[in-house]
Amino acid sequence: MTENEIKHSIVVVRGIPVIMARELASFFETTVSAVNQYRKRNAEKFTEDYAFQLSSDEWKKLKSQNVISNKGRGGSRHLPWAYTDMALQ
């Protein structure tokens, strides 16, 4: 990902600039499952200052604003996770 693509991947949720797990996975050339698994295995590092799961209302709002594109036909059975810039440091 280029710097420009990263900037365009940032959305604001709860007043905080975040990058969604799908974009973070793309940045690191891995899968969303791998990103989420890393978060689970390192839960002590990923407090709410670093990562949080969106509520269904937050997810619906992002999708309705066309902030999140619909890639593919599938979909997650779980609400997505958002990662703050602190998680990238």
C-alpha atoms as a PDB file:
ATOM      1  CA  MET A   1       0.000   0.000   0.000  1.00  0.00           C
ATOM      2  CA  THR A   2       1.148   3.479  -0.741  1.00  0.00           C
ATOM      3  CA  GLU A   3       1.042   6.294   1.780  1.00  0.00           C
ATOM      4  CA  ASN A   4      -1.888   7.779  -0.137  1.00  0.00           C
ATOM      5  CA  GLU A   5      -3.814   4.482   0.024  1.00  0.00           C
ATOM      6  CA  ILE A   6      -3.177   4.283   3.762  1.00  0.00           C
ATOM      7  CA  LYS A   7      -4.474   7.833   4.256  1.00  0.00           C
ATOM      8  CA  HIS A   8      -7.631   6.943   2.321  1.00  0.00           C
ATOM      9  CA  SER A   9      -8.100   3.806   4.440  1.00  0.00           C
ATOM     10  CA  ILE A  10      -8.421   5.819   7.631  1.00  0.00           C
ATOM     11  CA  VAL A  11     -11.963   6.391   8.871  1.00  0.00           C
ATOM     12  CA  VAL A  12     -13.209   8.098  12.013  1.00  0.00           C
ATOM     13  CA  VAL A  13     -15.148   5.983  14.502  1.00  0.00           C
ATOM     14  CA  ARG A  14     -16.029   7.226  18.000  1.00  0.00           C
ATOM     15  CA  GLY A  15     -14.138  10.392  17.125  1.00  0.00           C
ATOM     16  CA  ILE A  16     -10.925   8.398  16.661  1.00  0.00           C
ATOM     17  CA  PRO A  17      -9.042   7.898  13.375  1.00  0.00           C
ATOM     18  CA  VAL A  18      -8.829   4.140  12.769  1.00  0.00           C
ATOM     19  CA  ILE A  19      -7.986   1.641  10.077  1.00  0.00           C
ATOM     20  CA  MET A  20     -10.237  -1.353   9.710  1.00  0.00           C
ATOM     21  CA  ALA A  21      -8.856  -4.876  10.066  1.00  0.00           C
ATOM     22  CA  ARG A  22      -9.388  -5.598   6.358  1.00  0.00           C
ATOM     23  CA  GLU A  23      -7.239  -2.641   5.303  1.00  0.00           C
ATOM     24  CA  LEU A  24      -4.639  -3.447   7.944  1.00  0.00           C
ATOM     25  CA  ALA A  25      -4.438  -7.014   6.622  1.00  0.00           C
ATOM     26  CA  SER A  26      -3.964  -5.662   3.113  1.00  0.00           C
ATOM     27  CA  PHE A  27      -1.210  -3.338   4.338  1.00  0.00           C
ATOM     28  CA  PHE A  28       0.663  -6.282   5.883  1.00  0.00           C
ATOM     29  CA  GLU A  29      -0.208  -8.619   2.985  1.00  0.00           C
ATOM     30  CA  THR A  30      -1.988 -11.100   5.208  1.00  0.00           C
ATOM     31  CA  THR A  31      -5.561 -12.103   6.011  1.00  0.00           C
ATOM     32  CA  VAL A  32      -8.084 -10.499   8.317  1.00  0.00           C
ATOM     33  CA  SER A  33      -8.126 -13.775  10.230  1.00  0.00           C
ATOM     34  CA  ALA A  34      -4.374 -13.509  10.820  1.00  0.00           C
ATOM     35  CA  VAL A  35      -4.694  -9.905  12.039  1.00  0.00           C
ATOM     36  CA  ASN A  36      -7.507 -10.851  14.407  1.00  0.00           C
ATOM     37  CA  GLN A  37      -5.667 -13.935  15.616  1.00  0.00           C
ATOM     38  CA  TYR A  38      -2.601 -11.817  16.413  1.00  0.00           C
ATOM     39  CA  ARG A  39      -4.828  -9.423  18.380  1.00  0.00           C
ATOM     40  CA  LYS A  40      -6.371 -12.298  20.341  1.00  0.00           C
ATOM     41  CA  ARG A  41      -3.003 -13.868  21.134  1.00  0.00           C
ATOM     42  CA  ASN A  42      -1.625 -10.510  22.278  1.00  0.00           C
ATOM     43  CA  ALA A  43      -4.712  -9.184  24.059  1.00  0.00           C
ATOM     44  CA  GLU A  44      -2.643  -7.430  26.726  1.00  0.00           C
ATOM     45  CA  LYS A  45      -1.168  -5.188  24.004  1.00  0.00           C
ATOM     46  CA  PHE A  46      -4.491  -4.408  22.344  1.00  0.00           C
ATOM     47  CA  THR A  47      -6.472  -2.485  24.929  1.00  0.00           C
ATOM     48  CA  GLU A  48      -9.297  -0.214  23.724  1.00  0.00           C
ATOM     49  CA  ASP A  49      -6.655   2.474  23.139  1.00  0.00           C
ATOM     50  CA  TYR A  50      -5.310   0.283  20.341  1.00  0.00           C
ATOM     51  CA  ALA A  51      -8.226  -1.751  18.991  1.00  0.00           C
ATOM     52  CA  PHE A  52     -11.963  -2.116  19.432  1.00  0.00           C
ATOM     53  CA  GLN A  53     -14.792  -4.001  17.822  1.00  0.00           C
ATOM     54  CA  LEU A  54     -17.407  -1.915  16.073  1.00  0.00           C
ATOM     55  CA  SER A  55     -20.992  -2.014  17.228  1.00  0.00           C
ATOM     56  CA  SER A  56     -23.593  -3.020  14.673  1.00  0.00           C
ATOM     57  CA  ASP A  57     -24.793   0.590  14.445  1.00  0.00           C
ATOM     58  CA  GLU A  58     -21.242   1.828  13.776  1.00  0.00           C
ATOM     59  CA  TRP A  59     -20.756  -0.852  11.116  1.00  0.00           C
ATOM     60  CA  LYS A  60     -24.075  -0.062   9.430  1.00  0.00           C
ATOM     61  CA  LYS A  61     -23.231   3.643   9.423  1.00  0.00           C
ATOM     62  CA  LEU A  62     -19.830   3.095   7.775  1.00  0.00           C
ATOM     63  CA  LYS A  63     -21.359   0.850   5.135  1.00  0.00           C
ATOM     64  CA  SER A  64     -24.230   3.248   4.460  1.00  0.00           C
ATOM     65  CA  GLN A  65     -21.797   6.139   3.970  1.00  0.00           C
ATOM     66  CA  ASN A  66     -19.956   4.074   1.356  1.00  0.00           C
ATOM     67  CA  VAL A  67     -16.826   4.398   3.470  1.00  0.00           C
ATOM     68  CA  ILE A  68     -16.471   0.638   3.369  1.00  0.00           C
ATOM     69  CA  SER A  69     -16.605  -1.036  -0.019  1.00  0.00           C
ATOM     70  CA  ASN A  70     -18.238  -4.391  -0.561  1.00  0.00           C
ATOM     71  CA  LYS A  71     -15.391  -6.580  -1.747  1.00  0.00           C
ATOM     72  CA  GLY A  72     -16.473 -10.025  -2.875  1.00  0.00           C
ATOM     73  CA  ARG A  73     -19.780 -11.676  -2.121  1.00  0.00           C
ATOM     74  CA  GLY A  74     -19.036 -13.120   1.289  1.00  0.00           C
ATOM     75  CA  GLY A  75     -18.998 -11.368   4.546  1.00  0.00           C
ATOM     76  CA  SER A  76     -17.835 -11.767   8.055  1.00  0.00           C
ATOM     77  CA  ARG A  77     -20.099 -13.342  10.610  1.00  0.00           C
ATOM     78  CA  HIS A  78     -18.587 -11.031  13.218  1.00  0.00           C
ATOM     79  CA  LEU A  79     -18.454  -7.294  13.590  1.00  0.00           C
ATOM     80  CA  PRO A  80     -15.147  -5.899  12.319  1.00  0.00           C
ATOM     81  CA  TRP A  81     -12.326  -4.594  14.448  1.00  0.00           C
ATOM     82  CA  ALA A  82     -10.863  -1.113  14.155  1.00  0.00           C
ATOM     83  CA  TYR A  83      -7.226  -0.353  14.970  1.00  0.00           C
ATOM     84  CA  THR A  84      -6.001   3.054  16.073  1.00  0.00           C
ATOM     85  CA  ASP A  85      -2.775   4.630  14.903  1.00  0.00           C
ATOM     86  CA  MET A  86      -1.272   3.619  18.257  1.00  0.00           C
ATOM     87  CA  ALA A  87      -1.518  -0.019  17.165  1.00  0.00           C
ATOM     88  CA  LEU A  88       0.667   0.724  14.145  1.00  0.00           C
ATOM     89  CA  GLN A  89       3.535   2.156  16.179  1.00  0.00           C
END
